[in-house]
Amino acid sequence: MTIRRRTLEDSGLGFMIPVCSSAIGTAKPFPAFYQHIIDQADVAPERVLFVGDNLLNDVTAPINAGMRAAWVNRKLSGQAQPAPLCDGTMQLAHLSQLPLAISSLLAS
């Protein structure tokens, strides 16, 4: 978990909360995992942005749980700009683009 936290802090995202399935007793893509995140955030599901690099576990399942999603697509060139997909998912080339994507989501 410390590596994830350090990565977030280095990217200017220290306010985000990494979640480890082993610490909560359920894992992706089980609905209980995403419900735990919503419960911990203590906000409406649509106010939660789930970030990851797996389409099923980090985009489809969180969206099905009512959250928003940002997908780090590792196949994109590092020069690609964040862009919304048709379901509202923000597609990123790298985690460092997340602050820009969050700004874009807040503006919409």
PDB file of N, CA and C in Angstrom:
ATOM      1  N   MET A   1       0.828  -1.199   0.000  1.00  0.00           N
ATOM      2  CA  MET A   1       0.000   0.000   0.000  1.00  0.00           C
ATOM      3  C   MET A   1       0.862   1.249   0.000  1.00  0.00           C
ATOM      4  N   THR A   2       2.020   1.207   0.627  1.00  0.00           N
ATOM      5  CA  THR A   2       2.874   2.393   0.678  1.00  0.00           C
ATOM      6  C   THR A   2       3.356   2.789  -0.709  1.00  0.00           C
ATOM      7  N   ILE A   3       3.592   1.837  -1.578  1.00  0.00           N
ATOM      8  CA  ILE A   3       4.020   2.161  -2.936  1.00  0.00           C
ATOM      9  C   ILE A   3       2.901   2.906  -3.656  1.00  0.00           C
ATOM     10  N   ARG A   4       1.663   2.428  -3.515  1.00  0.00           N
ATOM     11  CA  ARG A   4       0.526   3.109  -4.147  1.00  0.00           C
ATOM     12  C   ARG A   4       0.367   4.515  -3.592  1.00  0.00           C
ATOM     13  N   ARG A   5       0.466   4.643  -2.285  1.00  0.00           N
ATOM     14  CA  ARG A   5       0.327   5.972  -1.676  1.00  0.00           C
ATOM     15  C   ARG A   5       1.422   6.910  -2.171  1.00  0.00           C
ATOM     16  N   ARG A   6       2.658   6.412  -2.254  1.00  0.00           N
ATOM     17  CA  ARG A   6       3.776   7.231  -2.722  1.00  0.00           C
ATOM     18  C   ARG A   6       3.548   7.651  -4.186  1.00  0.00           C
ATOM     19  N   THR A   7       3.061   6.731  -5.007  1.00  0.00           N
ATOM     20  CA  THR A   7       2.783   7.055  -6.410  1.00  0.00           C
ATOM     21  C   THR A   7       1.747   8.168  -6.490  1.00  0.00           C
ATOM     22  N   LEU A   8       0.696   8.069  -5.690  1.00  0.00           N
ATOM     23  CA  LEU A   8      -0.334   9.111  -5.689  1.00  0.00           C
ATOM     24  C   LEU A   8       0.235  10.449  -5.234  1.00  0.00           C
ATOM     25  N   GLU A   9       1.012  10.433  -4.175  1.00  0.00           N
ATOM     26  CA  GLU A   9       1.606  11.676  -3.679  1.00  0.00           C
ATOM     27  C   GLU A   9       2.543  12.298  -4.700  1.00  0.00           C
ATOM     28  N   ASP A  10       3.362  11.468  -5.362  1.00  0.00           N
ATOM     29  CA  ASP A  10       4.285  11.970  -6.382  1.00  0.00           C
ATOM     30  C   ASP A  10       3.558  12.559  -7.579  1.00  0.00           C
ATOM     31  N   SER A  11       2.329  12.105  -7.812  1.00  0.00           N
ATOM     32  CA  SER A  11       1.536  12.609  -8.933  1.00  0.00           C
ATOM     33  C   SER A  11       0.651  13.772  -8.538  1.00  0.00           C
ATOM     34  N   GLY A  12       0.784  14.245  -7.299  1.00  0.00           N
ATOM     35  CA  GLY A  12      -0.059  15.346  -6.841  1.00  0.00           C
ATOM     36  C   GLY A  12      -1.446  14.893  -6.430  1.00  0.00           C
ATOM     37  N   LEU A  13      -1.601  13.595  -6.150  1.00  0.00           N
ATOM     38  CA  LEU A  13      -2.905  13.038  -5.839  1.00  0.00           C
ATOM     39  C   LEU A  13      -2.958  12.444  -4.433  1.00  0.00           C
ATOM     40  N   GLY A  14      -2.198  13.021  -3.525  1.00  0.00           N
ATOM     41  CA  GLY A  14      -2.126  12.499  -2.172  1.00  0.00           C
ATOM     42  C   GLY A  14      -3.447  12.479  -1.434  1.00  0.00           C
ATOM     43  N   PHE A  15      -4.441  13.223  -1.921  1.00  0.00           N
ATOM     44  CA  PHE A  15      -5.755  13.255  -1.285  1.00  0.00           C
ATOM     45  C   PHE A  15      -6.576  12.008  -1.602  1.00  0.00           C
ATOM     46  N   MET A  16      -6.160  11.234  -2.608  1.00  0.00           N
ATOM     47  CA  MET A  16      -6.907  10.035  -2.996  1.00  0.00           C
ATOM     48  C   MET A  16      -6.625   8.902  -2.011  1.00  0.00           C
ATOM     49  N   ILE A  17      -7.566   7.973  -1.927  1.00  0.00           N
ATOM     50  CA  ILE A  17      -7.454   6.868  -0.981  1.00  0.00           C
ATOM     51  C   ILE A  17      -7.297   5.556  -1.743  1.00  0.00           C
ATOM     52  N   PRO A  18      -6.111   4.957  -1.679  1.00  0.00           N
ATOM     53  CA  PRO A  18      -5.967   3.634  -2.307  1.00  0.00           C
ATOM     54  C   PRO A  18      -6.677   2.578  -1.462  1.00  0.00           C
ATOM     55  N   VAL A  19      -7.288   1.593  -2.122  1.00  0.00           N
ATOM     56  CA  VAL A  19      -8.000   0.533  -1.424  1.00  0.00           C
ATOM     57  C   VAL A  19      -7.368  -0.798  -1.799  1.00  0.00           C
ATOM     58  N   CYS A  20      -7.079  -1.607  -0.811  1.00  0.00           N
ATOM     59  CA  CYS A  20      -6.477  -2.922  -1.025  1.00  0.00           C
ATOM     60  C   CYS A  20      -7.507  -3.982  -0.637  1.00  0.00           C
ATOM     61  N   SER A  21      -7.826  -4.886  -1.562  1.00  0.00           N
ATOM     62  CA  SER A  21      -8.867  -5.876  -1.316  1.00  0.00           C
ATOM     63  C   SER A  21      -8.560  -6.760  -0.108  1.00  0.00           C
ATOM     64  N   SER A  22      -7.297  -7.059   0.124  1.00  0.00           N
ATOM     65  CA  SER A  22      -6.955  -7.927   1.259  1.00  0.00           C
ATOM     66  C   SER A  22      -7.303  -7.270   2.595  1.00  0.00           C
ATOM     67  N   ALA A  23      -7.379  -5.961   2.612  1.00  0.00           N
ATOM     68  CA  ALA A  23      -7.696  -5.251   3.852  1.00  0.00           C
ATOM     69  C   ALA A  23      -9.193  -5.199   4.127  1.00  0.00           C
ATOM     70  N   ILE A  24     -10.024  -5.444   3.088  1.00  0.00           N
ATOM     71  CA  ILE A  24     -11.472  -5.337   3.294  1.00  0.00           C
ATOM     72  C   ILE A  24     -12.197  -6.670   3.133  1.00  0.00           C
ATOM     73  N   GLY A  25     -11.499  -7.714   2.723  1.00  0.00           N
ATOM     74  CA  GLY A  25     -12.092  -9.043   2.679  1.00  0.00           C
ATOM     75  C   GLY A  25     -12.919  -9.368   1.455  1.00  0.00           C
ATOM     76  N   THR A  26     -12.873  -8.536   0.446  1.00  0.00           N
ATOM     77  CA  THR A  26     -13.536  -8.820  -0.827  1.00  0.00           C
ATOM     78  C   THR A  26     -12.709  -8.166  -1.922  1.00  0.00           C
ATOM     79  N   ALA A  27     -12.926  -8.600  -3.144  1.00  0.00           N
ATOM     80  CA  ALA A  27     -12.073  -8.126  -4.227  1.00  0.00           C
ATOM     81  C   ALA A  27     -12.892  -7.726  -5.453  1.00  0.00           C
ATOM     82  N   LYS A  28     -12.239  -7.034  -6.360  1.00  0.00           N
ATOM     83  CA  LYS A  28     -12.834  -6.701  -7.653  1.00  0.00           C
ATOM     84  C   LYS A  28     -12.981  -8.008  -8.433  1.00  0.00           C
ATOM     85  N   PRO A  29     -13.999  -8.198  -9.191  1.00  0.00           N
ATOM     86  CA  PRO A  29     -15.128  -7.324  -9.529  1.00  0.00           C
ATOM     87  C   PRO A  29     -16.398  -7.583  -8.718  1.00  0.00           C
ATOM     88  N   PHE A  30     -16.292  -8.121  -7.501  1.00  0.00           N
ATOM     89  CA  PHE A  30     -17.483  -8.390  -6.699  1.00  0.00           C
ATOM     90  C   PHE A  30     -18.136  -7.086  -6.240  1.00  0.00           C
ATOM     91  N   PRO A  31     -19.465  -6.986  -6.343  1.00  0.00           N
ATOM     92  CA  PRO A  31     -20.164  -5.752  -5.970  1.00  0.00           C
ATOM     93  C   PRO A  31     -19.843  -5.270  -4.555  1.00  0.00           C
ATOM     94  N   ALA A  32     -19.597  -6.168  -3.618  1.00  0.00           N
ATOM     95  CA  ALA A  32     -19.302  -5.753  -2.235  1.00  0.00           C
ATOM     96  C   ALA A  32     -18.043  -4.897  -2.156  1.00  0.00           C
ATOM     97  N   PHE A  33     -17.087  -5.137  -3.044  1.00  0.00           N
ATOM     98  CA  PHE A  33     -15.859  -4.339  -3.064  1.00  0.00           C
ATOM     99  C   PHE A  33     -16.192  -2.872  -3.365  1.00  0.00           C
ATOM    100  N   TYR A  34     -16.987  -2.671  -4.396  1.00  0.00           N
ATOM    101  CA  TYR A  34     -17.329  -1.306  -4.813  1.00  0.00           C
ATOM    102  C   TYR A  34     -18.262  -0.645  -3.790  1.00  0.00           C
ATOM    103  N   GLN A  35     -19.145  -1.429  -3.179  1.00  0.00           N
ATOM    104  CA  GLN A  35     -20.016  -0.872  -2.145  1.00  0.00           C
ATOM    105  C   GLN A  35     -19.194  -0.416  -0.950  1.00  0.00           C
ATOM    106  N   HIS A  36     -18.149  -1.158  -0.615  1.00  0.00           N
ATOM    107  CA  HIS A  36     -17.264  -0.752   0.487  1.00  0.00           C
ATOM    108  C   HIS A  36     -16.655   0.627   0.194  1.00  0.00           C
ATOM    109  N   ILE A  37     -16.225   0.823  -1.029  1.00  0.00           N
ATOM    110  CA  ILE A  37     -15.620   2.107  -1.415  1.00  0.00           C
ATOM    111  C   ILE A  37     -16.646   3.236  -1.291  1.00  0.00           C
ATOM    112  N   ILE A  38     -17.845   2.988  -1.774  1.00  0.00           N
ATOM    113  CA  ILE A  38     -18.903   4.005  -1.685  1.00  0.00           C
ATOM    114  C   ILE A  38     -19.194   4.312  -0.222  1.00  0.00           C
ATOM    115  N   ASP A  39     -19.297   3.272   0.601  1.00  0.00           N
ATOM    116  CA  ASP A  39     -19.570   3.468   2.024  1.00  0.00           C
ATOM    117  C   ASP A  39     -18.453   4.267   2.698  1.00  0.00           C
ATOM    118  N   GLN A  40     -17.200   3.953   2.371  1.00  0.00           N
ATOM    119  CA  GLN A  40     -16.063   4.655   2.972  1.00  0.00           C
ATOM    120  C   GLN A  40     -16.014   6.118   2.533  1.00  0.00           C
ATOM    121  N   ALA A  41     -16.384   6.368   1.282  1.00  0.00           N
ATOM    122  CA  ALA A  41     -16.365   7.744   0.771  1.00  0.00           C
ATOM    123  C   ALA A  41     -17.465   8.589   1.431  1.00  0.00           C
ATOM    124  N   ASP A  42     -18.555   7.934   1.824  1.00  0.00           N
ATOM    125  CA  ASP A  42     -19.662   8.614   2.486  1.00  0.00           C
ATOM    126  C   ASP A  42     -20.228   9.754   1.637  1.00  0.00           C
ATOM    127  N   VAL A  43     -20.307   9.493   0.331  1.00  0.00           N
ATOM    128  CA  VAL A  43     -20.924  10.424  -0.610  1.00  0.00           C
ATOM    129  C   VAL A  43     -21.752   9.603  -1.590  1.00  0.00           C
ATOM    130  N   ALA A  44     -22.547  10.274  -2.389  1.00  0.00           N
ATOM    131  CA  ALA A  44     -23.318   9.574  -3.417  1.00  0.00           C
ATOM    132  C   ALA A  44     -22.347   8.876  -4.378  1.00  0.00           C
ATOM    133  N   PRO A  45     -22.687   7.685  -4.873  1.00  0.00           N
ATOM    134  CA  PRO A  45     -21.776   6.931  -5.749  1.00  0.00           C
ATOM    135  C   PRO A  45     -21.262   7.729  -6.946  1.00  0.00           C
ATOM    136  N   GLU A  46     -22.100   8.570  -7.521  1.00  0.00           N
ATOM    137  CA  GLU A  46     -21.677   9.339  -8.704  1.00  0.00           C
ATOM    138  C   GLU A  46     -20.623  10.394  -8.374  1.00  0.00           C
ATOM    139  N   ARG A  47     -20.371  10.618  -7.089  1.00  0.00           N
ATOM    140  CA  ARG A  47     -19.320  11.560  -6.684  1.00  0.00           C
ATOM    141  C   ARG A  47     -17.975  10.864  -6.478  1.00  0.00           C
ATOM    142  N   VAL A  48     -17.955   9.523  -6.664  1.00  0.00           N
ATOM    143  CA  VAL A  48     -16.732   8.742  -6.497  1.00  0.00           C
ATOM    144  C   VAL A  48     -16.127   8.489  -7.878  1.00  0.00           C
ATOM    145  N   LEU A  49     -14.844   8.770  -8.013  1.00  0.00           N
ATOM    146  CA  LEU A  49     -14.125   8.493  -9.253  1.00  0.00           C
ATOM    147  C   LEU A  49     -13.204   7.303  -8.998  1.00  0.00           C
ATOM    148  N   PHE A  50     -13.472   6.195  -9.682  1.00  0.00           N
ATOM    149  CA  PHE A  50     -12.665   4.988  -9.544  1.00  0.00           C
ATOM    150  C   PHE A  50     -11.617   5.017 -10.645  1.00  0.00           C
ATOM    151  N   VAL A  51     -10.363   4.786 -10.289  1.00  0.00           N
ATOM    152  CA  VAL A  51      -9.259   4.899 -11.239  1.00  0.00           C
ATOM    153  C   VAL A  51      -8.518   3.582 -11.325  1.00  0.00           C
ATOM    154  N   GLY A  52      -8.245   3.134 -12.544  1.00  0.00           N
ATOM    155  CA  GLY A  52      -7.472   1.911 -12.714  1.00  0.00           C
ATOM    156  C   GLY A  52      -7.169   1.625 -14.169  1.00  0.00           C
ATOM    157  N   ASP A  53      -6.509   0.492 -14.411  1.00  0.00           N
ATOM    158  CA  ASP A  53      -6.075   0.173 -15.774  1.00  0.00           C
ATOM    159  C   ASP A  53      -6.735  -1.081 -16.353  1.00  0.00           C
ATOM    160  N   ASN A  54      -7.783  -1.585 -15.690  1.00  0.00           N
ATOM    161  CA  ASN A  54      -8.463  -2.781 -16.166  1.00  0.00           C
ATOM    162  C   ASN A  54      -9.904  -2.423 -16.519  1.00  0.00           C
ATOM    163  N   LEU A  55     -10.306  -2.692 -17.765  1.00  0.00           N
ATOM    164  CA  LEU A  55     -11.642  -2.270 -18.206  1.00  0.00           C
ATOM    165  C   LEU A  55     -12.776  -2.893 -17.392  1.00  0.00           C
ATOM    166  N   LEU A  56     -12.683  -4.180 -17.091  1.00  0.00           N
ATOM    167  CA  LEU A  56     -13.760  -4.815 -16.329  1.00  0.00           C
ATOM    168  C   LEU A  56     -13.765  -4.349 -14.881  1.00  0.00           C
ATOM    169  N   ASN A  57     -12.648  -4.514 -14.203  1.00  0.00           N
ATOM    170  CA  ASN A  57     -12.575  -4.252 -12.767  1.00  0.00           C
ATOM    171  C   ASN A  57     -12.570  -2.780 -12.401  1.00  0.00           C
ATOM    172  N   ASP A  58     -12.022  -1.936 -13.266  1.00  0.00           N
ATOM    173  CA  ASP A  58     -11.804  -0.531 -12.927  1.00  0.00           C
ATOM    174  C   ASP A  58     -12.686   0.442 -13.690  1.00  0.00           C
ATOM    175  N   VAL A  59     -13.451  -0.067 -14.648  1.00  0.00           N
ATOM    176  CA  VAL A  59     -14.355   0.805 -15.399  1.00  0.00           C
ATOM    177  C   VAL A  59     -15.779   0.246 -15.368  1.00  0.00           C
ATOM    178  N   THR A  60     -15.996  -0.911 -15.966  1.00  0.00           N
ATOM    179  CA  THR A  60     -17.349  -1.455 -16.072  1.00  0.00           C
ATOM    180  C   THR A  60     -17.993  -1.693 -14.710  1.00  0.00           C
ATOM    181  N   ALA A  61     -17.316  -2.408 -13.823  1.00  0.00           N
ATOM    182  CA  ALA A  61     -17.908  -2.719 -12.515  1.00  0.00           C
ATOM    183  C   ALA A  61     -18.162  -1.463 -11.681  1.00  0.00           C
ATOM    184  N   PRO A  62     -17.226  -0.511 -11.612  1.00  0.00           N
ATOM    185  CA  PRO A  62     -17.531   0.708 -10.856  1.00  0.00           C
ATOM    186  C   PRO A  62     -18.706   1.500 -11.449  1.00  0.00           C
ATOM    187  N   ILE A  63     -18.782   1.560 -12.776  1.00  0.00           N
ATOM    188  CA  ILE A  63     -19.902   2.261 -13.408  1.00  0.00           C
ATOM    189  C   ILE A  63     -21.210   1.557 -13.065  1.00  0.00           C
ATOM    190  N   ASN A  64     -21.204   0.209 -13.085  1.00  0.00           N
ATOM    191  CA  ASN A  64     -22.401  -0.545 -12.707  1.00  0.00           C
ATOM    192  C   ASN A  64     -22.800  -0.284 -11.260  1.00  0.00           C
ATOM    193  N   ALA A  65     -21.829   0.074 -10.414  1.00  0.00           N
ATOM    194  CA  ALA A  65     -22.101   0.398  -9.014  1.00  0.00           C
ATOM    195  C   ALA A  65     -22.523   1.857  -8.838  1.00  0.00           C
ATOM    196  N   GLY A  66     -22.541   2.625  -9.931  1.00  0.00           N
ATOM    197  CA  GLY A  66     -22.984   4.013  -9.879  1.00  0.00           C
ATOM    198  C   GLY A  66     -21.875   5.042  -9.806  1.00  0.00           C
ATOM    199  N   MET A  67     -20.618   4.576  -9.808  1.00  0.00           N
ATOM    200  CA  MET A  67     -19.483   5.499  -9.728  1.00  0.00           C
ATOM    201  C   MET A  67     -19.088   6.000 -11.116  1.00  0.00           C
ATOM    202  N   ARG A  68     -18.213   6.976 -11.132  1.00  0.00           N
ATOM    203  CA  ARG A  68     -17.559   7.420 -12.365  1.00  0.00           C
ATOM    204  C   ARG A  68     -16.225   6.684 -12.456  1.00  0.00           C
ATOM    205  N   ALA A  69     -15.633   6.683 -13.655  1.00  0.00           N
ATOM    206  CA  ALA A  69     -14.389   5.933 -13.829  1.00  0.00           C
ATOM    207  C   ALA A  69     -13.381   6.713 -14.661  1.00  0.00           C
ATOM    208  N   ALA A  70     -12.121   6.487 -14.343  1.00  0.00           N
ATOM    209  CA  ALA A  70     -11.002   6.977 -15.160  1.00  0.00           C
ATOM    210  C   ALA A  70     -10.148   5.756 -15.473  1.00  0.00           C
ATOM    211  N   TRP A  71      -9.917   5.528 -16.759  1.00  0.00           N
ATOM    212  CA  TRP A  71      -9.194   4.357 -17.220  1.00  0.00           C
ATOM    213  C   TRP A  71      -7.805   4.760 -17.690  1.00  0.00           C
ATOM    214  N   VAL A  72      -6.781   4.202 -17.060  1.00  0.00           N
ATOM    215  CA  VAL A  72      -5.404   4.418 -17.500  1.00  0.00           C
ATOM    216  C   VAL A  72      -5.137   3.357 -18.571  1.00  0.00           C
ATOM    217  N   ASN A  73      -5.205   3.792 -19.832  1.00  0.00           N
ATOM    218  CA  ASN A  73      -5.020   2.897 -20.976  1.00  0.00           C
ATOM    219  C   ASN A  73      -3.537   2.863 -21.322  1.00  0.00           C
ATOM    220  N   ARG A  74      -2.869   1.833 -20.897  1.00  0.00           N
ATOM    221  CA  ARG A  74      -1.422   1.729 -21.076  1.00  0.00           C
ATOM    222  C   ARG A  74      -0.997   1.542 -22.536  1.00  0.00           C
ATOM    223  N   LYS A  75      -1.972   1.345 -23.425  1.00  0.00           N
ATOM    224  CA  LYS A  75      -1.645   1.195 -24.846  1.00  0.00           C
ATOM    225  C   LYS A  75      -1.564   2.545 -25.559  1.00  0.00           C
ATOM    226  N   LEU A  76      -1.974   3.603 -24.890  1.00  0.00           N
ATOM    227  CA  LEU A  76      -1.917   4.933 -25.492  1.00  0.00           C
ATOM    228  C   LEU A  76      -0.504   5.485 -25.427  1.00  0.00           C
ATOM    229  N   SER A  77      -0.193   6.325 -26.367  1.00  0.00           N
ATOM    230  CA  SER A  77       1.081   7.043 -26.346  1.00  0.00           C
ATOM    231  C   SER A  77       1.068   8.003 -25.166  1.00  0.00           C
ATOM    232  N   GLY A  78       2.221   8.226 -24.579  1.00  0.00           N
ATOM    233  CA  GLY A  78       2.341   9.164 -23.475  1.00  0.00           C
ATOM    234  C   GLY A  78       1.939  10.574 -23.846  1.00  0.00           C
ATOM    235  N   GLN A  79       1.885  10.864 -25.152  1.00  0.00           N
ATOM    236  CA  GLN A  79       1.507  12.197 -25.621  1.00  0.00           C
ATOM    237  C   GLN A  79      -0.004  12.377 -25.722  1.00  0.00           C
ATOM    238  N   ALA A  80      -0.774  11.275 -25.646  1.00  0.00           N
ATOM    239  CA  ALA A  80      -2.229  11.355 -25.792  1.00  0.00           C
ATOM    240  C   ALA A  80      -2.821  12.181 -24.644  1.00  0.00           C
ATOM    241  N   GLN A  81      -3.776  13.014 -24.974  1.00  0.00           N
ATOM    242  CA  GLN A  81      -4.443  13.854 -23.981  1.00  0.00           C
ATOM    243  C   GLN A  81      -5.627  13.102 -23.375  1.00  0.00           C
ATOM    244  N   PRO A  82      -5.980  13.388 -22.125  1.00  0.00           N
ATOM    245  CA  PRO A  82      -7.164  12.759 -21.535  1.00  0.00           C
ATOM    246  C   PRO A  82      -8.387  13.047 -22.388  1.00  0.00           C
ATOM    247  N   ALA A  83      -9.231  12.043 -22.553  1.00  0.00           N
ATOM    248  CA  ALA A  83     -10.421  12.213 -23.369  1.00  0.00           C
ATOM    249  C   ALA A  83     -11.559  11.377 -22.804  1.00  0.00           C
ATOM    250  N   PRO A  84     -12.779  11.938 -22.819  1.00  0.00           N
ATOM    251  CA  PRO A  84     -13.916  11.160 -22.334  1.00  0.00           C
ATOM    252  C   PRO A  84     -14.353  10.131 -23.374  1.00  0.00           C
ATOM    253  N   LEU A  85     -14.725   8.942 -22.906  1.00  0.00           N
ATOM    254  CA  LEU A  85     -15.314   7.925 -23.768  1.00  0.00           C
ATOM    255  C   LEU A  85     -16.822   8.121 -23.761  1.00  0.00           C
ATOM    256  N   CYS A  86     -17.544   7.375 -24.596  1.00  0.00           N
ATOM    257  CA  CYS A  86     -18.985   7.596 -24.736  1.00  0.00           C
ATOM    258  C   CYS A  86     -19.765   7.368 -23.442  1.00  0.00           C
ATOM    259  N   ASP A  87     -19.251   6.557 -22.518  1.00  0.00           N
ATOM    260  CA  ASP A  87     -19.957   6.327 -21.253  1.00  0.00           C
ATOM    261  C   ASP A  87     -19.546   7.316 -20.165  1.00  0.00           C
ATOM    262  N   GLY A  88     -18.716   8.297 -20.521  1.00  0.00           N
ATOM    263  CA  GLY A  88     -18.263   9.297 -19.564  1.00  0.00           C
ATOM    264  C   GLY A  88     -16.942   8.960 -18.897  1.00  0.00           C
ATOM    265  N   THR A  89     -16.426   7.759 -19.121  1.00  0.00           N
ATOM    266  CA  THR A  89     -15.135   7.365 -18.566  1.00  0.00           C
ATOM    267  C   THR A  89     -14.051   8.265 -19.129  1.00  0.00           C
ATOM    268  N   MET A  90     -13.171   8.749 -18.265  1.00  0.00           N
ATOM    269  CA  MET A  90     -12.022   9.518 -18.738  1.00  0.00           C
ATOM    270  C   MET A  90     -10.902   8.542 -19.081  1.00  0.00           C
ATOM    271  N   GLN A  91     -10.414   8.607 -20.297  1.00  0.00           N
ATOM    272  CA  GLN A  91      -9.319   7.746 -20.731  1.00  0.00           C
ATOM    273  C   GLN A  91      -8.009   8.529 -20.624  1.00  0.00           C
ATOM    274  N   LEU A  92      -7.061   7.953 -19.918  1.00  0.00           N
ATOM    275  CA  LEU A  92      -5.774   8.597 -19.669  1.00  0.00           C
ATOM    276  C   LEU A  92      -4.657   7.739 -20.216  1.00  0.00           C
ATOM    277  N   ALA A  93      -3.564   8.379 -20.607  1.00  0.00           N
ATOM    278  CA  ALA A  93      -2.379   7.642 -21.029  1.00  0.00           C
ATOM    279  C   ALA A  93      -1.499   7.307 -19.830  1.00  0.00           C
ATOM    280  N   HIS A  94      -1.612   8.104 -18.776  1.00  0.00           N
ATOM    281  CA  HIS A  94      -0.756   7.931 -17.606  1.00  0.00           C
ATOM    282  C   HIS A  94      -1.463   8.526 -16.391  1.00  0.00           C
ATOM    283  N   LEU A  95      -1.189   7.980 -15.229  1.00  0.00           N
ATOM    284  CA  LEU A  95      -1.803   8.464 -13.993  1.00  0.00           C
ATOM    285  C   LEU A  95      -1.518   9.946 -13.744  1.00  0.00           C
ATOM    286  N   SER A  96      -0.398  10.433 -14.229  1.00  0.00           N
ATOM    287  CA  SER A  96      -0.056  11.846 -14.025  1.00  0.00           C
ATOM    288  C   SER A  96      -1.064  12.785 -14.686  1.00  0.00           C
ATOM    289  N   GLN A  97      -1.886  12.279 -15.599  1.00  0.00           N
ATOM    290  CA  GLN A  97      -2.902  13.096 -16.263  1.00  0.00           C
ATOM    291  C   GLN A  97      -4.185  13.213 -15.443  1.00  0.00           C
ATOM    292  N   LEU A  98      -4.264  12.494 -14.337  1.00  0.00           N
ATOM    293  CA  LEU A  98      -5.493  12.482 -13.563  1.00  0.00           C
ATOM    294  C   LEU A  98      -5.917  13.855 -13.051  1.00  0.00           C
ATOM    295  N   PRO A  99      -5.025  14.701 -12.545  1.00  0.00           N
ATOM    296  CA  PRO A  99      -5.497  16.026 -12.105  1.00  0.00           C
ATOM    297  C   PRO A  99      -6.198  16.809 -13.213  1.00  0.00           C
ATOM    298  N   LEU A 100      -5.681  16.741 -14.435  1.00  0.00           N
ATOM    299  CA  LEU A 100      -6.343  17.410 -15.553  1.00  0.00           C
ATOM    300  C   LEU A 100      -7.694  16.791 -15.839  1.00  0.00           C
ATOM    301  N   ALA A 101      -7.776  15.473 -15.772  1.00  0.00           N
ATOM    302  CA  ALA A 101      -9.046  14.783 -16.009  1.00  0.00           C
ATOM    303  C   ALA A 101     -10.061  15.137 -14.937  1.00  0.00           C
ATOM    304  N   ILE A 102      -9.629  15.226 -13.696  1.00  0.00           N
ATOM    305  CA  ILE A 102     -10.538  15.591 -12.607  1.00  0.00           C
ATOM    306  C   ILE A 102     -11.073  16.997 -12.830  1.00  0.00           C
ATOM    307  N   SER A 103     -10.224  17.911 -13.244  1.00  0.00           N
ATOM    308  CA  SER A 103     -10.659  19.282 -13.540  1.00  0.00           C
ATOM    309  C   SER A 103     -11.713  19.276 -14.624  1.00  0.00           C
ATOM    310  N   SER A 104     -11.506  18.463 -15.645  1.00  0.00           N
ATOM    311  CA  SER A 104     -12.448  18.364 -16.739  1.00  0.00           C
ATOM    312  C   SER A 104     -13.791  17.796 -16.255  1.00  0.00           C
ATOM    313  N   LEU A 105     -13.730  16.767 -15.416  1.00  0.00           N
ATOM    314  CA  LEU A 105     -14.967  16.186 -14.891  1.00  0.00           C
ATOM    315  C   LEU A 105     -15.720  17.176 -14.019  1.00  0.00           C
ATOM    316  N   LEU A 106     -15.008  17.951 -13.219  1.00  0.00           N
ATOM    317  CA  LEU A 106     -15.653  18.924 -12.352  1.00  0.00           C
ATOM    318  C   LEU A 106     -16.319  20.033 -13.156  1.00  0.00           C
ATOM    319  N   ALA A 107     -15.768  20.325 -14.325  1.00  0.00           N
ATOM    320  CA  ALA A 107     -16.324  21.375 -15.165  1.00  0.00           C
ATOM    321  C   ALA A 107     -17.579  20.911 -15.900  1.00  0.00           C
ATOM    322  N   SER A 108     -17.756  19.592 -16.011  1.00  0.00           N
ATOM    323  CA  SER A 108     -18.922  19.083 -16.772  1.00  0.00           C
ATOM    324  C   SER A 108     -20.151  18.925 -15.913  1.00  0.00           C
TER     325      SER A 108
END
